Protein backbone atom coordinates (compact mmCIF):
# COMPACT_ATOMS: atom_id res chain seq x y z
CA MET A 1 -16.74 9.72 -23.59
CA SER A 2 -18.16 9.05 -20.83
CA ASP A 3 -16.45 8.33 -17.78
CA ARG A 4 -16.04 4.51 -17.20
CA SER A 5 -17.50 2.73 -14.19
CA SER A 6 -16.91 -1.01 -15.16
CA PRO A 7 -13.75 -2.60 -17.22
CA PRO A 8 -14.25 -3.53 -21.11
CA ALA A 9 -14.63 -6.88 -22.47
CA ALA A 10 -11.86 -9.14 -21.58
CA SER A 11 -8.97 -9.57 -24.20
CA THR A 12 -5.74 -11.71 -24.09
CA ALA A 13 -2.75 -10.06 -23.60
CA SER A 14 0.48 -11.82 -25.24
CA ALA A 15 4.25 -11.24 -24.08
CA SER A 16 4.48 -9.32 -27.12
CA ALA A 17 1.25 -6.86 -26.10
CA THR A 18 2.05 -3.14 -25.73
CA ARG A 19 3.65 -2.63 -22.28
CA GLY A 20 1.76 0.37 -21.42
CA PRO A 21 3.71 3.79 -20.14
CA VAL A 22 7.49 3.07 -18.89
CA ARG A 23 7.19 3.35 -15.12
CA ARG A 24 8.43 6.90 -14.49
CA THR A 25 8.98 8.88 -11.28
CA THR A 26 6.69 11.96 -10.52
CA ALA A 27 9.86 14.24 -10.97
CA ALA A 28 10.70 13.05 -14.43
CA ILE A 29 7.23 13.64 -14.95
CA LEU A 30 7.06 17.21 -13.62
CA ALA A 31 10.36 17.83 -15.45
CA ASP A 32 8.85 17.33 -18.89
CA TYR A 33 5.88 19.28 -18.37
CA VAL A 34 7.94 22.32 -17.12
CA ALA A 35 10.53 21.81 -20.14
CA GLY A 36 7.60 21.76 -22.61
CA ARG A 37 8.77 18.29 -23.35
CA ARG A 38 5.28 16.72 -22.78
CA THR A 39 1.82 18.26 -22.08
CA VAL A 40 -0.36 17.16 -19.15
CA GLU A 41 -2.71 16.12 -21.53
CA ALA A 42 -0.60 13.70 -23.14
CA GLU A 43 0.34 12.25 -20.12
CA VAL A 44 -2.99 11.53 -18.65
CA ARG A 45 -4.47 10.69 -22.17
CA GLY A 46 -1.39 7.95 -22.33
CA VAL A 47 -2.72 6.51 -18.80
CA PHE A 48 -6.20 6.19 -20.05
CA ASP A 49 -4.57 4.17 -23.45
CA ALA A 50 -2.99 2.07 -21.19
CA LEU A 51 -5.59 1.15 -18.77
CA PRO A 52 -8.12 -1.00 -20.58
CA GLU A 53 -5.15 -3.78 -21.34
CA VAL A 54 -3.83 -3.95 -17.91
CA GLN A 55 -7.45 -3.72 -16.78
CA SER A 56 -8.05 -6.84 -18.62
CA ARG A 57 -5.37 -8.73 -17.16
CA LEU A 58 -4.86 -7.80 -13.76
CA ASN A 59 -8.01 -6.08 -12.78
CA PRO A 60 -6.86 -3.15 -10.41
CA PHE A 61 -9.44 -0.65 -10.52
CA THR A 62 -13.39 -0.77 -9.48
CA GLU A 63 -13.86 2.69 -11.67
CA TRP A 64 -11.94 5.30 -13.71
CA PHE A 65 -12.73 8.68 -14.36
CA GLU A 66 -12.07 9.66 -18.11
CA ASP A 67 -13.61 12.62 -18.76
CA GLU A 68 -12.99 14.30 -15.49
CA ALA A 69 -9.36 13.62 -15.51
CA MET A 70 -8.94 14.70 -19.00
CA ALA A 71 -10.41 17.99 -18.57
CA ALA A 72 -8.27 18.33 -15.35
CA ALA A 73 -5.48 17.39 -17.75
CA ARG A 74 -6.68 19.93 -19.85
CA ALA A 75 -6.70 22.71 -17.19
CA ALA A 76 -3.42 21.85 -15.91
CA ASP A 77 -1.60 22.51 -19.25
CA ARG A 78 -3.57 25.95 -18.91
CA HIS A 79 -2.35 26.63 -15.70
CA LEU A 80 1.09 26.49 -16.88
CA ALA A 81 0.62 27.96 -20.05
CA ASP A 82 -0.56 31.15 -18.22
CA GLY A 83 2.98 31.57 -16.30
CA HIS A 84 1.69 30.17 -13.07
CA PRO A 85 4.05 27.74 -11.09
CA PRO A 86 3.39 24.25 -10.70
CA GLY A 87 2.21 22.64 -7.59
CA PRO A 88 4.02 19.53 -6.00
CA LEU A 89 1.48 17.22 -7.89
CA HIS A 90 0.83 19.35 -10.89
CA GLY A 91 -0.85 17.11 -13.48
CA VAL A 92 0.55 14.09 -11.68
CA PRO A 93 -1.84 10.83 -12.42
CA VAL A 94 -2.85 9.21 -8.75
CA ALA A 95 -5.10 6.60 -8.12
CA ILE A 96 -7.19 6.15 -4.95
CA LYS A 97 -8.06 3.12 -3.22
CA ASP A 98 -11.54 2.37 -3.05
CA MET A 99 -11.70 2.42 0.89
CA THR A 100 -11.44 6.02 0.59
CA PRO A 101 -14.35 8.70 -0.47
CA THR A 102 -13.70 10.91 -3.64
CA ALA A 103 -16.54 13.37 -4.36
CA GLY A 104 -18.86 12.45 -7.08
CA HIS A 105 -17.89 9.00 -7.12
CA HIS A 106 -18.59 5.21 -6.07
CA THR A 107 -16.32 4.18 -2.52
CA THR A 108 -17.70 0.81 -2.04
CA ARG A 109 -15.34 -0.54 0.17
CA GLY A 110 -14.90 -3.53 -1.89
CA SER A 111 -18.26 -4.64 -0.83
CA TRP A 112 -21.71 -5.35 -1.58
CA THR A 113 -22.79 -3.92 1.39
CA ALA A 114 -21.91 -0.08 0.55
CA GLY A 115 -24.88 0.03 -1.99
CA GLU A 116 -24.60 2.12 -5.13
CA ALA A 117 -24.46 5.59 -3.89
CA ARG A 118 -21.82 8.28 -4.50
CA THR A 119 -19.68 9.74 -2.04
CA THR A 120 -20.46 13.47 -1.54
CA CYS A 121 -17.13 14.64 -0.16
CA ASP A 122 -13.40 14.08 -0.19
CA ALA A 123 -11.51 12.69 2.42
CA VAL A 124 -9.14 14.73 3.79
CA ILE A 125 -5.83 13.27 2.08
CA VAL A 126 -7.90 13.68 -1.32
CA LYS A 127 -8.58 17.09 -1.02
CA ARG A 128 -4.74 17.40 0.00
CA LEU A 129 -3.69 15.74 -3.22
CA LYS A 130 -6.11 17.52 -5.65
CA ARG A 131 -5.12 20.95 -3.77
CA ALA A 132 -1.29 19.69 -4.76
CA GLY A 133 -2.40 19.38 -8.60
CA ALA A 134 -2.68 15.61 -8.72
CA ILE A 135 -5.00 14.20 -11.30
CA LEU A 136 -7.05 11.59 -9.72
CA ILE A 137 -7.57 8.53 -12.69
CA GLY A 138 -9.72 6.24 -10.79
CA LYS A 139 -10.57 3.95 -7.75
CA THR A 140 -8.57 0.83 -7.03
CA THR A 141 -9.71 -2.37 -5.70
CA THR A 142 -9.29 -3.16 -2.31
CA ALA A 143 -9.96 -6.63 -0.29
CA GLU A 144 -13.41 -5.90 1.72
CA LEU A 145 -13.28 -3.54 3.89
CA ALA A 146 -9.68 -3.77 3.97
CA TYR A 147 -10.04 -7.12 6.12
CA SER A 148 -7.30 -9.54 4.24
CA SER A 149 -3.69 -9.81 2.99
CA PHE A 150 -5.83 -10.94 -0.46
CA THR A 151 -7.25 -8.44 -3.09
CA ASN A 152 -10.16 -10.79 -3.92
CA THR A 153 -13.67 -9.55 -3.07
CA PRO A 154 -17.15 -11.03 -4.10
CA ARG A 155 -18.26 -7.71 -5.57
CA PHE A 156 -14.58 -7.27 -7.87
CA ARG A 157 -13.35 -10.50 -7.88
CA VAL A 158 -9.66 -11.01 -7.89
CA THR A 159 -6.53 -8.42 -8.30
CA ARG A 160 -3.71 -10.29 -9.84
CA ASN A 161 0.18 -9.77 -9.68
CA PRO A 162 1.59 -7.75 -12.67
CA TRP A 163 4.83 -10.31 -12.58
CA ASP A 164 2.40 -13.37 -12.62
CA PRO A 165 -1.09 -13.45 -12.95
CA THR A 166 -1.78 -16.25 -11.36
CA ARG A 167 -0.23 -14.92 -7.89
CA THR A 168 -1.93 -12.65 -5.62
CA SER A 169 -1.55 -9.00 -5.91
CA GLY A 170 -1.43 -8.93 -2.01
CA GLY A 171 -3.80 -6.69 -0.12
CA SER A 172 -5.78 -4.97 0.94
CA SER A 173 -4.40 -2.11 -1.17
CA GLY A 174 -3.74 -4.65 -4.20
CA GLY A 175 -5.02 -2.25 -6.87
CA SER A 176 -3.14 0.53 -6.08
CA ALA A 177 0.03 -1.60 -6.02
CA VAL A 178 -0.66 -3.28 -9.41
CA ALA A 179 -1.51 0.39 -10.86
CA VAL A 180 1.98 1.66 -9.84
CA ALA A 181 4.00 -1.54 -10.55
CA THR A 182 2.41 -1.67 -14.11
CA GLY A 183 3.65 2.38 -14.98
CA LEU A 184 -0.09 3.69 -14.97
CA VAL A 185 0.82 5.67 -12.23
CA PRO A 186 3.70 6.60 -9.90
CA LEU A 187 1.92 7.29 -7.08
CA ALA A 188 -1.55 5.86 -5.35
CA GLU A 189 -2.93 6.14 -2.06
CA GLY A 190 -3.71 3.06 0.26
CA THR A 191 -4.33 2.21 3.60
CA ASP A 192 -2.46 0.43 6.16
CA MET A 193 -3.83 -1.24 9.23
CA GLY A 194 -2.07 -4.17 9.16
CA GLY A 195 0.19 -3.92 6.33
CA SER A 196 -2.21 -2.98 3.50
CA VAL A 197 0.25 -0.85 1.96
CA ARG A 198 3.22 -2.52 2.59
CA ILE A 199 2.44 -6.27 1.56
CA PRO A 200 1.07 -5.44 -2.32
CA ALA A 201 4.01 -3.22 -2.22
CA ALA A 202 6.22 -5.85 -1.47
CA ALA A 203 4.25 -8.46 -3.99
CA CYS A 204 4.14 -6.34 -6.79
CA GLY A 205 7.66 -4.69 -6.21
CA VAL A 206 7.09 -1.24 -5.55
CA VAL A 207 7.59 1.16 -2.39
CA GLY A 208 5.13 1.58 0.06
CA PHE A 209 5.31 3.37 3.40
CA LYS A 210 3.25 3.70 6.47
CA PRO A 211 3.78 6.91 8.22
CA SER A 212 3.78 7.34 11.97
CA LEU A 213 0.64 7.48 13.75
CA GLY A 214 -1.56 10.93 13.11
CA ARG A 215 0.97 12.21 10.15
CA ILE A 216 -1.71 12.29 7.80
CA PRO A 217 -5.27 12.63 9.22
CA MET A 218 -7.48 9.76 8.98
CA ASP A 219 -10.98 9.83 8.95
CA ILE A 220 -12.11 7.19 7.13
CA VAL A 221 -12.83 4.41 9.58
CA PRO A 222 -15.15 3.97 12.12
CA SER A 223 -13.42 4.49 15.61
CA ALA A 224 -12.57 8.32 16.94
CA LEU A 225 -9.26 7.39 18.36
CA GLU A 226 -8.03 4.59 15.49
CA THR A 227 -4.24 4.02 16.55
CA TYR A 228 -3.93 0.70 14.03
CA SER A 229 -4.87 2.64 10.76
CA HIS A 230 -2.82 5.28 8.60
CA PHE A 231 -3.00 6.65 4.79
CA GLY A 232 0.21 5.78 2.95
CA PRO A 233 2.03 5.95 -0.49
CA LEU A 234 2.48 3.19 -3.02
CA ALA A 235 5.36 4.86 -5.22
CA ALA A 236 7.80 4.05 -8.17
CA CYS A 237 10.37 5.26 -5.76
CA VAL A 238 11.02 6.67 -2.38
CA ALA A 239 11.29 10.25 -3.49
CA ASP A 240 8.03 9.99 -4.53
CA ALA A 241 6.86 8.90 -1.45
CA VAL A 242 8.64 11.98 0.59
CA ARG A 243 6.54 14.01 -2.25
CA PHE A 244 3.03 12.29 -1.08
CA VAL A 245 3.42 12.61 2.21
CA SER A 246 4.85 16.03 2.09
CA VAL A 247 1.91 17.13 0.40
CA ALA A 248 -0.78 14.85 2.63
CA ALA A 249 0.87 15.13 6.03
CA GLY A 250 0.12 18.04 8.45
CA SER A 251 -2.76 17.98 11.46
CA HIS A 252 -6.53 18.34 10.65
CA PRO A 253 -9.71 18.31 13.41
CA VAL A 254 -11.31 15.60 11.61
CA ASP A 255 -8.17 13.42 13.54
CA MET A 256 -7.96 13.74 17.08
CA LEU A 257 -4.58 12.06 16.69
CA SER A 258 -3.41 14.17 13.78
CA HIS A 259 -1.10 16.50 16.42
CA ARG A 260 2.43 15.84 14.97
CA PRO A 261 4.61 18.07 13.84
CA ALA A 262 4.76 19.53 10.10
CA PHE A 263 6.74 17.08 7.50
CA ASP A 264 9.99 18.36 6.59
CA ALA A 265 10.82 17.27 3.40
CA ALA A 266 14.19 18.73 2.85
CA VAL A 267 15.27 16.48 5.84
CA ALA A 268 14.19 13.17 3.98
CA VAL A 269 16.97 13.83 1.56
CA PRO A 270 18.95 10.73 1.13
CA GLY A 271 22.73 10.53 2.59
CA ASP A 272 25.60 8.00 2.99
CA LEU A 273 25.22 5.22 4.67
CA THR A 274 28.49 5.18 6.20
CA GLY A 275 28.09 4.62 9.80
CA ARG A 276 24.57 4.10 9.90
CA ARG A 277 23.61 1.03 12.40
CA ILE A 278 20.83 -1.02 11.46
CA ALA A 279 19.52 -4.05 13.20
CA LEU A 280 18.68 -6.88 10.99
CA SER A 281 15.56 -9.51 12.51
CA VAL A 282 15.14 -11.97 9.42
CA ASP A 283 12.45 -13.34 11.29
CA LEU A 284 11.06 -11.15 13.98
CA GLY A 285 11.58 -13.86 16.52
CA TYR A 286 8.69 -16.33 15.50
CA CYS A 287 8.19 -16.51 11.71
CA ALA A 288 8.83 -18.69 9.48
CA VAL A 289 10.75 -17.51 6.43
CA ASP A 290 10.87 -18.52 2.62
CA PRO A 291 14.48 -19.35 1.90
CA GLU A 292 14.85 -17.05 -1.01
CA VAL A 293 13.28 -14.16 1.25
CA GLU A 294 16.10 -14.76 3.98
CA GLN A 295 18.73 -14.95 1.13
CA ALA A 296 17.57 -11.65 -0.26
CA ILE A 297 17.27 -9.78 2.67
CA ARG A 298 20.98 -11.29 3.75
CA LYS A 299 22.21 -10.51 0.82
CA THR A 300 21.09 -7.23 1.07
CA ALA A 301 22.65 -6.65 4.65
CA GLU A 302 26.04 -7.29 2.62
CA THR A 303 25.11 -4.81 0.55
CA LEU A 304 24.14 -2.06 3.39
CA ALA A 305 27.59 -3.05 4.86
CA ARG A 306 30.20 -2.86 1.76
CA HIS A 307 28.53 0.72 1.40
CA GLY A 308 29.62 1.79 5.25
CA ALA A 309 26.40 0.79 7.06
CA GLN A 310 27.03 -1.50 10.14
CA VAL A 311 24.80 -4.26 10.38
CA GLU A 312 24.19 -6.25 13.47
CA GLU A 313 21.40 -9.45 13.37
CA ILE A 314 19.49 -8.74 16.58
CA ALA A 315 17.40 -11.61 18.47
CA LEU A 316 13.81 -10.19 19.01
CA PRO A 317 11.42 -11.35 21.84
CA TRP A 318 8.38 -12.11 20.30
CA THR A 319 6.25 -14.85 19.73
CA ARG A 320 2.78 -15.56 18.01
CA ALA A 321 0.87 -13.31 20.32
CA VAL A 322 1.96 -10.28 18.40
CA PHE A 323 -0.37 -11.63 15.68
CA ASP A 324 -3.15 -13.22 17.63
CA GLN A 325 -3.29 -9.98 19.62
CA TRP A 326 -3.04 -7.68 16.49
CA ALA A 327 -6.36 -9.50 15.18
CA MET A 328 -8.17 -9.59 18.23
CA ARG A 329 -8.23 -5.69 17.70
CA TRP A 330 -8.62 -5.45 14.36
CA ASN A 331 -11.75 -7.86 14.02
CA CYS A 332 -13.35 -5.33 16.98
CA LEU A 333 -12.86 -2.69 14.58
CA LEU A 334 -14.32 -4.33 11.59
CA ALA A 335 -17.16 -5.11 13.85
CA LEU A 336 -17.91 -1.42 13.84
CA TYR A 337 -18.38 -1.03 10.14
CA PRO A 338 -22.04 -0.25 9.05
CA GLY A 339 -24.49 -2.22 6.96
CA THR A 340 -22.97 -5.56 7.89
CA ASP A 341 -25.69 -6.61 10.61
CA SER A 342 -28.14 -8.21 8.85
CA ALA A 343 -28.44 -11.75 7.29
CA GLU A 344 -28.97 -10.30 3.99
CA ALA A 345 -25.61 -8.15 4.12
CA ARG A 346 -23.51 -11.43 5.63
CA ALA A 347 -24.62 -13.47 2.65
CA THR A 348 -22.96 -11.10 -0.02
CA MET A 349 -19.78 -10.96 1.88
CA ASP A 350 -16.81 -12.62 2.35
CA PRO A 351 -17.06 -15.43 4.67
CA GLY A 352 -13.56 -14.98 6.19
CA LEU A 353 -14.80 -11.39 7.01
CA VAL A 354 -17.87 -12.50 8.47
CA ALA A 355 -16.01 -14.78 10.40
CA CYS A 356 -13.90 -11.79 11.81
CA ILE A 357 -16.74 -9.78 12.58
CA GLU A 358 -18.12 -12.37 14.51
CA ARG A 359 -14.99 -12.90 16.44
CA GLY A 360 -14.75 -9.20 17.04
CA ARG A 361 -18.09 -8.82 18.47
CA GLU A 362 -17.41 -11.96 21.15
CA THR A 363 -14.12 -10.17 22.18
CA SER A 364 -14.61 -8.48 25.75
CA ALA A 365 -13.31 -5.09 27.19
CA MET A 366 -10.78 -6.98 28.91
CA ASP A 367 -9.70 -8.63 26.45
CA LEU A 368 -8.92 -5.39 24.36
CA LEU A 369 -6.79 -4.30 27.43
CA GLY A 370 -4.64 -7.01 27.24
CA VAL A 371 -3.79 -5.90 23.69
CA ASP A 372 -2.82 -2.73 24.60
CA VAL A 373 -0.73 -4.15 27.49
CA LEU A 374 1.33 -6.02 24.80
CA ARG A 375 1.56 -3.31 22.72
CA LYS A 376 3.09 -1.10 25.44
CA GLN A 377 5.67 -4.32 25.99
CA LEU A 378 6.46 -3.99 22.06
CA ASN A 379 6.80 -0.41 22.10
CA ALA A 380 9.17 -0.57 25.09
CA GLU A 381 11.62 -3.50 23.35
CA LEU A 382 11.29 -1.40 19.80
CA CYS A 383 12.42 1.78 21.73
CA ASP A 384 15.03 -0.63 22.99
CA VAL A 385 16.27 -1.14 19.54
CA PHE A 386 16.32 2.26 18.30
CA ASN A 387 18.35 3.73 21.58
CA THR A 388 21.39 1.46 19.79
CA TYR A 389 20.04 1.63 16.18
CA ASP A 390 19.01 3.71 13.41
CA ALA A 391 16.52 1.45 11.84
CA LEU A 392 15.58 -1.79 11.95
CA ILE A 393 15.24 -4.25 8.73
CA CYS A 394 13.44 -7.29 8.25
CA PRO A 395 11.18 -8.73 5.12
CA THR A 396 7.72 -7.39 4.31
CA ASN A 397 6.09 -10.77 3.44
CA ALA A 398 7.56 -13.91 4.56
CA ILE A 399 7.33 -15.36 1.67
CA PRO A 400 6.41 -14.28 -2.20
CA ALA A 401 3.27 -13.55 -3.61
CA PRO A 402 0.68 -16.66 -2.98
CA PRO A 403 -1.56 -18.20 -5.77
CA VAL A 404 -4.70 -15.95 -6.14
CA ASP A 405 -6.59 -18.51 -4.81
CA ALA A 406 -5.23 -18.51 -1.28
CA THR A 407 -6.79 -17.07 1.60
CA ASP A 408 -5.70 -15.87 5.09
CA ALA A 409 -6.92 -19.07 6.24
CA ASP A 410 -4.29 -21.13 4.17
CA PHE A 411 -1.69 -18.86 6.84
CA GLU A 412 -1.79 -18.14 10.58
CA GLN A 413 -1.01 -21.43 11.81
CA THR A 414 1.85 -22.97 14.15
CA LEU A 415 4.32 -25.27 12.44
CA PRO A 416 5.66 -28.01 13.98
CA ASP A 417 8.75 -26.13 14.64
CA GLY A 418 6.67 -23.52 16.73
CA ARG A 419 7.19 -20.95 14.20
CA LEU A 420 4.31 -18.93 12.62
CA LYS A 421 3.36 -19.48 9.22
CA ALA A 422 2.90 -16.37 7.72
CA PHE A 423 2.16 -14.41 4.91
CA ASP A 424 3.43 -11.55 5.84
CA MET A 425 5.32 -9.36 8.66
CA ALA A 426 3.99 -6.05 8.70
CA TYR A 427 1.45 -5.86 11.28
CA PRO A 428 3.86 -5.52 14.75
CA PHE A 429 4.35 -2.23 13.26
CA ASN A 430 0.80 -1.37 13.29
CA MET A 431 0.43 -2.52 17.38
CA VAL A 432 3.52 -0.07 17.66
CA PRO A 433 2.18 2.56 14.98
CA SER A 434 4.41 5.49 16.28
CA CYS A 435 7.41 3.85 14.23
CA PRO A 436 7.47 4.58 10.27
CA VAL A 437 7.63 1.81 8.14
CA LEU A 438 8.68 1.61 4.45
CA SER A 439 8.96 -1.53 2.50
CA LEU A 440 11.20 -1.61 -0.65
CA PRO A 441 11.89 -4.01 -3.24
CA ILE A 442 15.16 -5.64 -3.10
CA GLY A 443 15.12 -8.25 -5.82
CA ARG A 444 13.30 -11.36 -7.31
CA THR A 445 12.82 -15.03 -6.24
CA ARG A 446 14.04 -17.42 -9.11
CA ALA A 447 10.32 -17.25 -10.43
CA GLY A 448 10.78 -14.03 -10.92
CA LEU A 449 8.43 -12.57 -8.03
CA PRO A 450 9.29 -9.55 -5.77
CA ILE A 451 10.84 -9.70 -2.42
CA GLY A 452 10.35 -6.69 -0.19
CA MET A 453 12.18 -5.58 2.59
CA GLN A 454 10.52 -3.19 5.80
CA ILE A 455 12.90 -0.49 6.95
CA ALA A 456 11.43 0.41 10.45
CA GLY A 457 12.68 3.55 11.92
CA PRO A 458 12.17 5.37 15.61
CA PRO A 459 8.63 6.87 16.66
CA PHE A 460 7.77 9.76 14.83
CA ALA A 461 11.01 10.20 12.93
CA ASP A 462 9.14 9.82 9.10
CA GLU A 463 11.89 11.92 7.72
CA ALA A 464 14.95 10.12 8.67
CA THR A 465 13.42 6.55 7.83
CA LEU A 466 12.88 7.83 4.47
CA ALA A 467 15.99 9.25 4.23
CA LEU A 468 17.62 6.17 5.30
CA ALA A 469 15.39 4.36 2.62
CA GLY A 470 15.90 6.69 -0.17
CA ALA A 471 20.22 5.92 0.50
CA VAL A 472 19.06 1.98 0.40
CA GLU A 473 17.70 2.35 -2.69
CA ALA A 474 20.55 3.90 -4.32
CA VAL A 475 22.71 0.89 -3.81
CA VAL A 476 20.29 -1.77 -4.48
CA ASP A 477 19.34 -3.03 -8.12
CA PRO A 478 15.95 -1.44 -9.12
CA LEU A 479 13.33 -4.08 -10.76
CA PRO A 480 12.09 -3.37 -14.02
CA LEU A 481 8.76 -3.08 -14.99
CA PRO A 482 6.79 -6.40 -15.51
CA LEU A 483 6.10 -7.82 -18.84
CA PRO A 484 2.47 -8.59 -19.83
CA HIS A 485 1.84 -12.50 -19.33
CA GLN A 486 -0.09 -14.96 -21.11
CA GLN A 487 -3.50 -14.43 -19.54
CA ASP A 488 -7.18 -16.50 -19.90
CA PRO A 489 -9.46 -13.86 -19.99
CA SER A 490 -11.88 -16.56 -18.33
CA HIS A 491 -10.24 -15.80 -15.22
CA VAL A 492 -11.04 -12.03 -15.16
CA ARG A 493 -14.59 -10.59 -14.14
CA THR A 494 -15.22 -7.78 -16.98
CA GLU A 495 -18.91 -7.24 -16.74
CA ASN A 496 -20.03 -4.09 -14.46
CA PRO A 497 -20.23 -5.03 -10.93
CA ARG A 498 -23.14 -2.44 -10.35
CA GLN A 499 -25.69 -3.98 -12.76
C-alpha cells in the first residue's frame, strides 16, 4: 500500500462505531514494548487501522505516511530485538503540524500558496523527535498560515471537534489536537504564536504546552528574531508534554534566541500542592467568560485549595489593548510569508487572512514600537504576580468550542459592559513569551464540550510549571476518550486536495 496523501471516501460513523485506539500515554506504550507485550509494528498498524474512520469524521490530517511509518516500526522492533536500549520516544507514533517541514513530504501551511513541492529537509524539532525514536504518522491540519483560532481552510476545509463534530477543533493546531484527543497518537507537534497549541488543546480536551521563548529552536517563521512563536506539544497527559520538551529543547544556531539552559526533566516531576501559592484570574481583567467556564475554573481552584494550595483571586489591570496590540504585530508577521503578494494567490486564500496581511502592511514602525512598550508593561505586571505566587491560573478559552462555521470575526468585539467578546485567552502569554504556559483539561460543559485551564509560570521556569501542572492534573478528574458521533459525510471534504 502506498503512502496516502488524501483521505479515503467518506463513511457515516455511528455511536456504535469502532472507537479506535484507547488513549494511551507514551510511558505505557514504551513499557509494553520493553516488556514484549506489544510490538512497535502492531502499535503503528493500529494507528493506520483507526485513522481512516477518524479522518472521515473529523478531518485532522492533510496526508499520512503509512509505508514509511510501517518500515520505521519494523526497524524499531529489530533495534529492540538486537538488545539496544530504546530512546525516549522509541516507536511512539507522533503527528506533525503542516506548518513544520518534514523531509520528503508536503508542507503546505494549510494554503494553496505553498504549491505542491515536497520539503527537502526536516525542521530542527522534527530531527530531534526522530532522533529520539518517534515514528512520524503524518501531517495535521492547520489554519492557513496558522493565522486563526479556527482550523478551516480553502485548501483542506474544516477540522471538527471529536466531542461534537458540529463544533470547531480550535486552531491553529486543530488537527494535532484531534489526533491526540481521539487516541491516534499520544503526542503531536504544534506551533503557538497566539495560543495555537493551547486553544485547540482546550477545545478538544487534551494537554497543550507553550514553552518559554527559545526553549525549543524556532526555524519555520520568516523573521530572524521572532518573539511570539513557539513549538509545543499537544499531549495525552502532562508527563508526555515533559517527555516531548526534554527531547525537543536545547539551543541551536538556526534560532538566534535559543540560548536557554538545558531542560531538566528530573525537575519537572509532580510534587505536593501543599503550600503552593496560586493566583487566580477568571477574566484577565477584560474578557467576557462563559458561566460554565468560570464555574469550572472556580471549582478547580477549590479542589486545589482542598489539596493544600493557597489560591487567591487577583485583579489584573489589563484591557482589550492586549489583544489589539498582539494582533497588530501578528498581522505584520503574516505579511512576511512568501507567495501571498499576487492577486492570483490572494484569490485562493482565506479572506480573513488576506485582511490581516493588508493590515500588517499598513502598520508603521512606530506602531510596532508601541506594541513593545505594552509588552514591557505586561511583563512587569506578570513579574509582580510571580514575585508572590508560584503560578497564575485562568481559562484557556473564554467559551466552549464554537460552531464549525464560526470565524475570528464573530469575536474580538467590545460588549456593552466594556468586556471583550473573546474565544480564547491565550495570546497575552505570547506578548510575554518568557512565561511558560500549559493548558490542562479540567472538565466538560453540560453539553459535553471540554473546558481548559491555563497554568502560567514565572519566566523560563518550564520545569517548575510542568511539575505544578502535573500535580494539578493528579487531583482533577481526567476526561474520557470521546466517542464517535453521527456524522453527515457530506460535510467532510474527502477528495485529494492536490488534484
